[in-house]
Structures are given as C-alpha cells and as structure tokens.
C-alpha cells in the first residue's frame, strides 16, 4: 500500500505541473472577453459501499496427509513377502511384509509343548490319586508289615542262637539291619498311602499353577517375537513409498514402507507470528490449487498447532480439503485466510486513494460536477479494497481514475453522463 501511495503521489506531482502550466498558457492564448468555460476533466467514479469487509491474509501451503506412517522393522532377517508398489491400495489388516526367521517358529513350538506338560501335571494334582494307586499303596503296606514281622521273628531267633553259641554275633547284626530297613520301608509306604488318601496339598497345587502361568508367559513371548516377522496395515490407505524388495535384508528400525490415508488429506500452511492471534479454528479460508486452474474453493481452518517454530517464527495450521477436489499429497496451494473483518465498513477501491507529502491520505468526491478533496482515515485494507474510518459517507461518488490531474474544486465529467452527452452533441454541431 505504501508503494502504491508513493507512486500515486509522484504521478500526481508530475501530472499537475504540466497541466497547470498548460492551463496558464491556454488562458494567455484564449484570453477573450466572453471567457470560455473551463473544460471538465474526464474521470471515473464509484459509489462508497457500506458492507462487511474481510481482510484476507495471503499465504501458501501444501497438501499433506494427516494420517501417514513409516513402517519399520523391529527384527533382522531377509524379506520373504513384499509385493507392493507405490500407489497400491491396502485395507486395514492386510499383510504388508513378512521377514523369514524359522528359529522364532521353533521357539513357539517348544514353549507350546512346555505349557502342555505343565497343564497336564496340574490336572493330575487337582484330580487326586486314582483308586488303583491307593489300592497298590495299601497292598505295599500289607506286604511290608509281613516283612517286618518276619524280620522281628528272625532277629529274635538269631539272638537265641548267638547266646547259645550256635551262631556268631555277626549274624545278629545282619538280622538287626534287615529289621531296621523293613521298618523304614513300612513307614514310607504308610506315609505315601496317607498322602494318596488325603490328596494333593494346596501348596502343591499353587506351585504347579504358577508353573503353568510361567509356561503361558513364555509361549506368549515367543508368539509375540514370531509375530514381529509379519507386519499388517494399521489402516486403509495407499502405499506412498517402498524401500525394500523380496530378498533384501531387513534391519531393526530400517524403513520398509510408507503408508498414508487419502481420506486424511489436509492443506498445511504456516502463519507468520504477527498474525497468529488473528487465526483460530473455524476461520474462513479460500484455497487455490496450482494444479486446478481458475477455481477458488472455500474451507475453514480445522487445526492450529500449539507451538511456533523457533527458526521461521511461524505457527502451522491446517484446513480440510473441499469436497470434490482431487488433491494429492505435495500439491502447492495458495490461500487467503480471513485475518479480521469490519461488519459495517465504508469500502472504496484502493485506486481511489492518494497520498500527500505529510503521509495524509485523500480522496476526491464528486459534489455536483465538482471534485472535492477529502482527508480520509484508513481502517482496514484487503485485496485491493480499503475500509475508510472517516471522510466519506455511504453512497458518495469517489473518483478512482483521472484524479491525478485534479485539484480541489476542479470540474469533472464522468463518461456516459448527461452533461458528457450534451458536450459531445455541441462539438458535433460545431
């Protein structure tokens, strides 16, 4: 706006001097007593409008996907499955890649077998002893009781024979050892029979249950590790980049695929720091896509990022993609974002303004057939239009072309007016 004002001031200064000089020369040459009327200056004027004016902030942005991910590997191994190319569409849950690692399958099988064993042992404990086992234990106790009685009788007989000198003392010692062993076996058999009759203890069951849980955890861990060999699509989308092929070696954290959701496309743009407080979610915006010539689309600001970027001193914001616009990621977009408005503004084109050397601004208003200079105040500027805060009223005619040759009180004539037509007829008659 300042550049336009300076240019207009220079044009006004340069145009007035020859005009004033020419007018003075013509008066000297045509100085007749009758005195001819000064010829009106042809101008173009428009009416001052009173309506809402929105200040549009010109910005640029890019189409980007709000939901986009880079698929990376968590394990190492050769790529066994990757049939995708850029532009392929996938659905949520589709298998994207598979990394070949047979050792992980073997670990799953081993953990599964260990869990089966632990569960079987727990089931046996909870079921208790079978009747056959109890009967066998009781039979063992009976047999050991008979053996113990025989050992006792045998020891008594040998003691008598040792006293009589028929047997040496070593035989008595052997008989005593046999009796002690028989008594010990009988005690163990009775305890086992009692244990079978009572069933497993709560402690034994709890210990086995803990072993089952441990086996389950190991199986889940093995399955989770093995599952990392296969990667599935997290959402419906389009493959935007493929970084590996079948047979390539995947490494941990290395990128494999890029996936984006075409339904999440937005226009992402940056707001200069001096305007960040003027733009909020819901602010109107007008979008022009370089790839779609001749069309402007309406949208609203849908998201404002919470922080300013330190280097550029701008804040990121987003608008949605208008319905029916065939946008693609990376498209360049020109935006006009509403950064303020005046509901009842007195609006004139910026071509009506002229700047004076003291930085004051004037317009020329037509009163009858005379141009009157008015000092005006500027409230807002937007896209070639200016809202004036003072100096004019709604409906008045302000001159937008030809005012560079005017001074206060100059006669003016708009092309197509009645006075202009009358002048044309007069010249034709002469």
Protein backbone atom coordinates (compact mmCIF):
# COMPACT_ATOMS: atom_id res chain seq x y z
CA UNK A 1 0.00 0.00 0.00
CA UNK A 2 2.83 2.44 0.81
CA UNK A 3 4.46 1.77 -2.55
CA UNK A 4 1.17 2.48 -4.34
CA UNK A 5 0.75 5.71 -2.42
CA UNK A 6 4.26 6.93 -3.21
CA UNK A 7 3.77 6.10 -6.87
CA UNK A 8 0.48 7.93 -6.96
CA UNK A 9 1.98 10.95 -5.24
CA UNK A 10 4.80 11.14 -7.77
CA UNK A 11 2.34 10.67 -10.61
CA UNK A 12 0.13 13.37 -9.15
CA UNK A 13 3.04 15.76 -8.70
CA UNK A 14 4.39 15.11 -12.20
CA UNK A 15 0.99 15.42 -13.84
CA UNK A 16 -0.19 18.58 -12.13
CA UNK A 17 2.78 20.69 -13.14
CA UNK A 18 2.35 20.40 -16.97
CA UNK A 19 -1.42 20.63 -16.55
CA UNK A 20 -1.17 23.84 -14.57
CA UNK A 21 1.41 25.22 -16.98
CA UNK A 22 -0.74 24.23 -19.96
CA UNK A 23 -3.82 25.79 -18.47
CA UNK A 24 -1.94 29.01 -17.85
CA UNK A 25 -0.63 29.07 -21.44
CA UNK A 26 -4.09 28.42 -22.92
CA UNK A 27 -5.58 31.24 -20.91
CA UNK A 28 -2.93 33.57 -22.28
CA UNK A 29 -3.69 32.42 -25.80
CA UNK A 30 -7.51 32.33 -25.48
CA UNK A 31 -7.97 35.36 -23.31
CA UNK A 32 -11.19 36.71 -24.85
CA UNK A 33 -13.72 38.97 -23.10
CA UNK A 34 -16.51 36.47 -23.44
CA UNK A 35 -14.49 33.96 -21.37
CA UNK A 36 -14.87 30.32 -22.32
CA UNK A 37 -15.93 27.75 -19.69
CA UNK A 38 -13.06 25.50 -18.40
CA UNK A 39 -13.28 22.04 -19.94
CA UNK A 40 -14.25 19.36 -17.35
CA UNK A 41 -11.70 16.66 -16.58
CA UNK A 42 -12.94 13.19 -17.57
CA UNK A 43 -12.91 10.85 -14.56
CA UNK A 44 -14.29 7.53 -13.43
CA UNK A 45 -16.04 7.26 -10.08
CA UNK A 46 -17.66 4.57 -7.96
CA UNK A 47 -20.07 4.72 -5.05
CA UNK A 48 -18.89 4.20 -1.47
CA UNK A 49 -20.27 0.84 -0.33
CA UNK A 50 -21.26 0.08 3.23
CA UNK A 51 -20.93 -3.62 3.92
CA UNK A 52 -18.77 -6.17 5.68
CA UNK A 53 -15.12 -6.19 4.69
CA UNK A 54 -12.87 -9.16 5.41
CA UNK A 55 -9.11 -8.75 5.49
CA UNK A 56 -7.65 -11.68 3.61
CA UNK A 57 -4.14 -12.77 4.55
CA UNK A 58 -2.29 -14.25 1.53
CA UNK A 59 -0.36 -17.42 2.40
CA UNK A 60 0.91 -20.58 0.72
CA UNK A 61 0.61 -24.18 1.79
CA UNK A 62 0.95 -27.80 0.75
CA UNK A 63 -1.39 -30.76 0.65
CA UNK A 64 -0.29 -33.34 3.23
CA UNK A 65 -1.72 -36.46 4.84
CA UNK A 66 -2.80 -36.05 8.42
CA UNK A 67 -2.57 -39.81 8.93
CA UNK A 68 0.67 -41.16 7.48
CA UNK A 69 3.12 -43.70 8.89
CA UNK A 70 6.50 -45.13 8.03
CA UNK A 71 6.57 -48.90 8.51
CA UNK A 72 9.88 -50.04 10.02
CA UNK A 73 11.32 -53.41 11.05
CA UNK A 74 11.82 -54.43 14.68
CA UNK A 75 13.89 -57.54 13.89
CA UNK A 76 16.52 -58.54 11.38
CA UNK A 77 16.07 -61.05 8.58
CA UNK A 78 15.51 -61.48 4.85
CA UNK A 79 12.30 -60.09 3.31
CA UNK A 80 10.13 -63.05 2.28
CA UNK A 81 6.96 -61.14 1.29
CA UNK A 82 6.69 -57.65 -0.19
CA UNK A 83 4.52 -57.49 -3.35
CA UNK A 84 3.73 -53.77 -3.14
CA UNK A 85 4.43 -50.84 -5.44
CA UNK A 86 3.84 -47.12 -4.98
CA UNK A 87 0.15 -46.29 -5.43
CA UNK A 88 -1.18 -49.70 -4.35
CA UNK A 89 -4.17 -49.56 -2.01
CA UNK A 90 -4.43 -51.72 1.10
CA UNK A 91 -7.07 -52.35 3.72
CA UNK A 92 -6.66 -52.41 7.46
CA UNK A 93 -5.29 -55.81 8.50
CA UNK A 94 -3.77 -56.70 5.11
CA UNK A 95 -0.33 -58.31 5.37
CA UNK A 96 2.25 -55.82 4.17
CA UNK A 97 5.54 -57.63 4.75
CA UNK A 98 6.99 -60.82 6.17
CA UNK A 99 10.53 -61.42 7.44
CA UNK A 100 11.78 -65.00 7.30
CA UNK A 101 13.03 -66.24 10.73
CA UNK A 102 12.34 -70.02 11.23
CA UNK A 103 14.02 -70.03 14.66
CA UNK A 104 11.18 -67.98 16.07
CA UNK A 105 8.64 -70.63 14.96
CA UNK A 106 10.68 -73.34 16.68
CA UNK A 107 10.69 -71.31 19.90
CA UNK A 108 6.90 -71.07 19.73
CA UNK A 109 6.59 -74.85 19.28
CA UNK A 110 8.91 -75.54 22.24
CA UNK A 111 7.06 -73.10 24.50
CA UNK A 112 3.74 -74.64 23.50
CA UNK A 113 4.96 -78.15 24.39
CA UNK A 114 6.25 -77.00 27.78
CA UNK A 115 2.90 -75.44 28.54
CA UNK A 116 1.11 -78.69 27.70
CA UNK A 117 3.29 -80.61 30.16
CA UNK A 118 2.72 -78.09 32.94
CA UNK A 119 -1.05 -78.17 32.39
CA UNK A 120 -1.09 -81.97 32.45
CA UNK A 121 0.74 -82.07 35.76
CA UNK A 122 -1.65 -79.54 37.24
CA UNK A 123 -4.60 -81.58 36.07
CA UNK A 124 -3.18 -84.69 37.73
CA UNK A 125 -2.74 -82.85 41.01
CA UNK A 126 -6.26 -81.50 41.02
CA UNK A 127 -7.75 -84.86 40.07
CA UNK A 128 -6.06 -86.57 43.06
CA UNK A 129 -4.88 -90.22 43.32
CA UNK A 130 -6.75 -92.91 41.45
CA UNK A 131 -8.33 -95.83 43.32
CA UNK A 132 -5.88 -98.20 41.67
CA UNK A 133 -2.96 -96.21 43.06
CA UNK A 134 -4.45 -96.22 46.56
CA UNK A 135 -5.06 -99.99 46.39
CA UNK A 136 -1.49 -100.60 45.26
CA UNK A 137 -0.17 -98.43 48.12
CA UNK A 138 -2.32 -100.34 50.65
CA UNK A 139 -1.06 -103.67 49.28
CA UNK A 140 2.51 -102.43 49.62
CA UNK A 141 1.87 -101.53 53.28
CA UNK A 142 0.48 -105.02 53.96
CA UNK A 143 3.48 -106.68 52.35
CA UNK A 144 5.91 -104.55 54.28
CA UNK A 145 4.08 -105.31 57.53
CA UNK A 146 4.55 -109.03 56.89
CA UNK A 147 8.18 -108.47 56.05
CA UNK A 148 8.67 -106.50 59.25
CA UNK A 149 7.09 -109.24 61.41
CA UNK A 150 9.24 -111.84 59.71
CA UNK A 151 12.35 -109.69 60.31
CA UNK A 152 11.40 -109.30 64.01
CA UNK A 153 10.92 -113.06 64.47
CA UNK A 154 14.10 -113.81 62.58
CA UNK A 155 16.07 -111.39 64.78
CA UNK A 156 14.71 -113.00 67.98
CA UNK A 157 15.60 -116.49 66.77
CA UNK A 158 19.13 -115.45 65.81
CA UNK A 159 19.66 -113.74 69.18
CA UNK A 160 18.85 -117.07 70.97
CA UNK A 161 21.23 -118.98 68.73
CA UNK A 162 24.01 -116.43 69.30
CA UNK A 163 23.52 -116.73 73.08
CA UNK A 164 23.77 -120.49 72.81
CA UNK A 165 26.91 -120.19 70.73
CA UNK A 166 25.35 -121.78 67.67
CA UNK A 167 25.86 -118.64 65.52
CA UNK A 168 28.43 -115.91 65.60
CA UNK A 169 27.49 -112.37 66.68
CA UNK A 170 27.76 -111.03 63.11
CA UNK A 171 24.55 -112.85 62.18
CA UNK A 172 22.71 -111.00 64.89
CA UNK A 173 23.92 -107.69 63.48
CA UNK A 174 22.75 -108.61 59.95
CA UNK A 175 19.30 -109.57 61.24
CA UNK A 176 19.04 -106.26 63.09
CA UNK A 177 19.92 -104.25 59.95
CA UNK A 178 17.30 -106.16 57.97
CA UNK A 179 14.67 -105.36 60.58
CA UNK A 180 15.51 -101.62 60.58
CA UNK A 181 15.29 -101.48 56.74
CA UNK A 182 11.94 -103.28 56.78
CA UNK A 183 10.59 -100.86 59.40
CA UNK A 184 11.79 -97.85 57.39
CA UNK A 185 10.17 -99.09 54.18
CA UNK A 186 6.93 -99.72 56.06
CA UNK A 187 6.92 -96.19 57.44
CA UNK A 188 7.44 -94.69 53.97
CA UNK A 189 4.70 -96.87 52.49
CA UNK A 190 2.23 -95.82 55.19
CA UNK A 191 3.04 -92.10 54.59
CA UNK A 192 2.55 -92.49 50.86
CA UNK A 193 -0.78 -94.25 51.43
CA UNK A 194 -1.93 -91.46 53.71
CA UNK A 195 -0.85 -88.83 51.17
CA UNK A 196 -2.77 -90.57 48.41
CA UNK A 197 -5.81 -90.85 50.62
CA UNK A 198 -5.66 -87.13 51.60
CA UNK A 199 -4.98 -85.88 48.03
CA UNK A 200 -2.58 -83.05 46.94
CA UNK A 201 -1.95 -80.10 49.25
CA UNK A 202 -2.95 -76.53 48.43
CA UNK A 203 0.71 -75.58 48.27
CA UNK A 204 1.48 -78.23 45.67
CA UNK A 205 -1.42 -77.08 43.53
CA UNK A 206 -0.39 -73.41 43.85
CA UNK A 207 3.17 -74.20 42.82
CA UNK A 208 2.02 -76.11 39.76
CA UNK A 209 -0.41 -73.33 38.81
CA UNK A 210 2.47 -70.86 38.96
CA UNK A 211 4.48 -73.11 36.67
CA UNK A 212 1.57 -73.15 34.22
CA UNK A 213 1.41 -69.34 34.20
CA UNK A 214 5.14 -69.15 33.65
CA UNK A 215 4.84 -71.53 30.68
CA UNK A 216 1.96 -69.44 29.27
CA UNK A 217 4.03 -66.25 29.54
CA UNK A 218 6.92 -67.87 27.72
CA UNK A 219 4.59 -69.01 24.96
CA UNK A 220 3.09 -65.53 24.59
CA UNK A 221 6.57 -64.00 24.44
CA UNK A 222 7.63 -66.49 21.77
CA UNK A 223 4.48 -65.81 19.76
CA UNK A 224 4.95 -62.03 20.05
CA UNK A 225 8.52 -62.32 18.82
CA UNK A 226 7.44 -64.56 15.96
CA UNK A 227 4.58 -62.17 15.10
CA UNK A 228 7.10 -59.38 14.54
CA UNK A 229 8.09 -61.25 11.39
CA UNK A 230 4.75 -60.21 9.83
CA UNK A 231 3.60 -56.61 9.50
CA UNK A 232 -0.03 -55.68 8.80
CA UNK A 233 -1.65 -52.46 7.58
CA UNK A 234 -2.78 -50.31 10.56
CA UNK A 235 -5.49 -48.58 8.48
CA UNK A 236 -6.97 -48.34 4.99
CA UNK A 237 -4.51 -46.46 2.85
CA UNK A 238 -2.22 -46.09 -0.14
CA UNK A 239 1.41 -47.18 -0.37
CA UNK A 240 3.36 -43.96 -0.94
CA UNK A 241 6.90 -45.38 -0.89
CA UNK A 242 8.54 -48.83 -0.97
CA UNK A 243 12.06 -49.08 0.46
CA UNK A 244 12.71 -52.87 0.19
CA UNK A 245 12.09 -55.78 -2.14
CA UNK A 246 11.88 -59.55 -1.70
CA UNK A 247 15.24 -60.90 -0.64
CA UNK A 248 16.51 -57.64 0.88
CA UNK A 249 17.85 -57.87 4.42
CA UNK A 250 15.69 -56.00 6.90
CA UNK A 251 17.41 -54.43 9.87
CA UNK A 252 15.92 -53.09 13.08
CA UNK A 253 14.44 -49.58 12.73
CA UNK A 254 15.12 -49.51 8.97
CA UNK A 255 12.21 -48.10 6.88
CA UNK A 256 10.30 -50.64 4.83
CA UNK A 257 7.13 -48.92 3.54
CA UNK A 258 5.38 -45.55 3.74
CA UNK A 259 1.61 -45.63 4.08
CA UNK A 260 -0.88 -42.75 4.03
CA UNK A 261 -4.62 -42.42 4.43
CA UNK A 262 -6.05 -40.49 1.42
CA UNK A 263 -9.11 -39.62 3.48
CA UNK A 264 -6.93 -37.65 5.90
CA UNK A 265 -5.53 -35.14 3.39
CA UNK A 266 -5.32 -31.54 4.62
CA UNK A 267 -3.83 -28.26 3.47
CA UNK A 268 -0.97 -27.44 5.83
CA UNK A 269 0.35 -23.87 5.93
CA UNK A 270 2.36 -21.52 8.14
CA UNK A 271 1.05 -18.34 9.76
CA UNK A 272 3.56 -15.53 10.42
CA UNK A 273 3.95 -14.69 14.09
CA UNK A 274 2.39 -11.24 13.75
CA UNK A 275 -0.86 -12.81 12.54
CA UNK A 276 -1.10 -15.94 14.73
CA UNK A 277 -3.63 -14.43 17.14
CA UNK A 278 -5.91 -13.44 14.26
CA UNK A 279 -6.42 -17.00 13.01
CA UNK A 280 -8.33 -19.55 15.10
CA UNK A 281 -10.07 -22.86 14.36
CA UNK A 282 -13.12 -22.11 12.23
CA UNK A 283 -11.55 -19.11 10.48
CA UNK A 284 -12.62 -18.86 6.83
CA UNK A 285 -10.08 -19.55 4.10
CA UNK A 286 -10.07 -19.50 0.31
CA UNK A 287 -7.95 -22.10 -1.47
CA UNK A 288 -6.50 -22.03 -4.98
CA UNK A 289 -4.67 -25.12 -6.24
CA UNK A 290 -2.00 -24.57 -8.87
CA UNK A 291 -2.95 -27.94 -10.36
CA UNK A 292 -6.59 -26.81 -10.70
CA UNK A 293 -6.56 -23.57 -12.62
CA UNK A 294 -9.31 -20.99 -12.45
CA UNK A 295 -11.14 -22.26 -9.36
CA UNK A 296 -11.22 -20.99 -5.78
CA UNK A 297 -12.58 -23.20 -3.02
CA UNK A 298 -13.88 -22.27 0.41
CA UNK A 299 -12.66 -24.00 3.57
CA UNK A 300 -12.21 -23.43 7.29
CA UNK A 301 -9.16 -23.65 9.50
CA UNK A 302 -9.52 -27.01 11.27
CA UNK A 303 -6.36 -27.18 13.35
CA UNK A 304 -3.85 -24.77 14.91
CA UNK A 305 -0.56 -26.22 16.12
CA UNK A 306 0.23 -25.30 19.74
CA UNK A 307 3.80 -24.02 19.27
CA UNK A 308 5.60 -21.62 16.97
CA UNK A 309 8.58 -22.87 15.02
CA UNK A 310 11.66 -21.25 16.51
CA UNK A 311 13.58 -20.67 13.28
CA UNK A 312 10.82 -19.45 10.97
CA UNK A 313 8.73 -17.81 13.74
CA UNK A 314 5.57 -19.25 12.24
CA UNK A 315 2.78 -21.46 13.50
CA UNK A 316 1.49 -24.40 11.50
CA UNK A 317 -2.22 -24.66 10.75
CA UNK A 318 -4.45 -26.88 8.64
CA UNK A 319 -7.66 -26.71 6.63
CA UNK A 320 -9.66 -29.59 5.24
CA UNK A 321 -9.80 -30.45 1.56
CA UNK A 322 -13.08 -29.20 0.00
CA UNK A 323 -15.39 -31.90 -1.34
CA UNK A 324 -14.77 -32.82 -4.93
CA UNK A 325 -11.20 -31.51 -5.08
CA UNK A 326 -8.87 -34.24 -6.46
CA UNK A 327 -5.99 -33.30 -4.18
CA UNK A 328 -2.76 -35.28 -3.86
CA UNK A 329 -0.01 -35.03 -1.25
CA UNK A 330 2.58 -32.43 -2.17
CA UNK A 331 0.26 -30.16 -4.20
CA UNK A 332 1.00 -26.45 -3.89
CA UNK A 333 -1.87 -24.34 -2.56
CA UNK A 334 -2.37 -20.59 -2.42
CA UNK A 335 -4.52 -19.48 0.49
CA UNK A 336 -6.32 -16.37 1.60
CA UNK A 337 -7.13 -16.59 5.27
CA UNK A 338 -9.58 -14.22 6.95
CA UNK A 339 -7.48 -12.29 9.46
CA UNK A 340 -10.13 -9.81 10.60
CA UNK A 341 -13.34 -8.13 9.49
CA UNK A 342 -15.41 -4.96 9.84
CA UNK A 343 -19.16 -5.63 9.77
CA UNK A 344 -20.24 -2.13 8.59
CA UNK A 345 -17.29 -0.77 6.65
CA UNK A 346 -17.25 2.14 4.19
CA UNK A 347 -15.45 0.49 1.29
CA UNK A 348 -13.69 2.05 -1.70
CA UNK A 349 -11.15 0.64 -4.16
CA UNK A 350 -7.55 1.31 -3.18
CA UNK A 351 -7.17 3.11 -6.53
CA UNK A 352 -9.24 5.96 -5.06
CA UNK A 353 -6.55 6.86 -2.50
CA UNK A 354 -3.85 9.48 -2.98
CA UNK A 355 -1.02 10.19 -0.53
CA UNK A 356 0.26 13.66 0.33
CA UNK A 357 3.82 14.58 1.37
CA UNK A 358 2.81 14.64 5.03
CA UNK A 359 1.63 10.99 4.75
CA UNK A 360 -2.03 12.00 4.96
CA UNK A 361 -4.41 10.28 2.57
CA UNK A 362 -7.08 11.95 0.44
CA UNK A 363 -9.81 11.00 -1.98
CA UNK A 364 -11.77 13.13 -4.43
CA UNK A 365 -15.54 13.08 -4.03
CA UNK A 366 -17.86 14.35 -6.75
CA UNK A 367 -20.28 17.01 -5.50
CA UNK A 368 -22.48 18.00 -8.42
CA UNK A 369 -19.93 18.44 -11.21
CA UNK A 370 -17.07 19.47 -8.93
CA UNK A 371 -14.36 17.31 -7.38
CA UNK A 372 -13.85 17.96 -3.66
CA UNK A 373 -10.77 16.78 -1.85
CA UNK A 374 -11.40 14.90 1.41
CA UNK A 375 -8.95 13.74 4.05
CA UNK A 376 -9.79 10.16 4.99
CA UNK A 377 -8.75 7.66 7.64
CA UNK A 378 -7.98 4.04 6.82
CA UNK A 379 -9.47 1.31 9.00
CA UNK A 380 -8.52 -1.80 7.01
CA UNK A 381 -7.08 -2.91 3.69
CA UNK A 382 -7.90 -6.15 1.93
CA UNK A 383 -7.36 -7.45 -1.59
CA UNK A 384 -7.50 -4.13 -3.42
CA UNK A 385 -10.22 -2.63 -1.24
CA UNK A 386 -9.96 -0.19 1.64
CA UNK A 387 -12.30 0.45 4.56
CA UNK A 388 -12.35 4.15 5.45
CA UNK A 389 -12.94 5.25 9.01
CA UNK A 390 -13.69 8.91 8.18
CA UNK A 391 -14.05 11.43 5.37
CA UNK A 392 -16.80 9.86 3.27
CA UNK A 393 -20.35 8.59 3.59
CA UNK A 394 -22.11 5.61 2.06
CA UNK A 395 -23.36 6.28 -1.47
CA UNK A 396 -20.99 9.19 -2.25
CA UNK A 397 -19.07 9.04 -5.52
CA UNK A 398 -15.29 8.77 -5.14
CA UNK A 399 -13.03 9.15 -8.15
CA UNK A 400 -10.88 6.11 -8.95
CA UNK A 401 -9.42 7.22 -12.29
CA UNK A 402 -8.36 10.65 -13.53
CA UNK A 403 -7.91 12.12 -10.03
CA UNK A 404 -4.17 12.52 -10.54
CA UNK A 405 -4.98 15.62 -12.67
CA UNK A 406 -7.40 17.18 -10.18
CA UNK A 407 -7.29 19.81 -7.53
CA UNK A 408 -9.93 20.81 -5.05
CA UNK A 409 -12.85 22.36 -6.96
CA UNK A 410 -11.94 21.05 -10.41
CA UNK A 411 -14.80 20.49 -12.83
CA UNK A 412 -15.15 16.81 -13.66
CA UNK A 413 -17.20 14.74 -16.04
CA UNK A 414 -17.89 11.01 -15.99
CA UNK A 415 -18.12 9.33 -19.41
CA UNK A 416 -21.72 8.42 -20.24
CA UNK A 417 -23.31 11.12 -18.06
CA UNK A 418 -25.92 13.57 -19.47
CA UNK A 419 -23.55 16.50 -19.31
CA UNK A 420 -20.96 14.49 -21.23
CA UNK A 421 -23.52 13.61 -23.92
CA UNK A 422 -24.56 17.26 -24.21
CA UNK A 423 -20.94 18.32 -24.69
CA UNK A 424 -20.48 15.71 -27.40
CA UNK A 425 -23.55 16.97 -29.31
CA UNK A 426 -22.30 20.57 -29.04
CA UNK A 427 -18.95 19.62 -30.56
CA UNK A 428 -20.71 17.75 -33.36
CA UNK A 429 -22.83 20.86 -34.21
CA UNK A 430 -19.69 22.99 -34.47
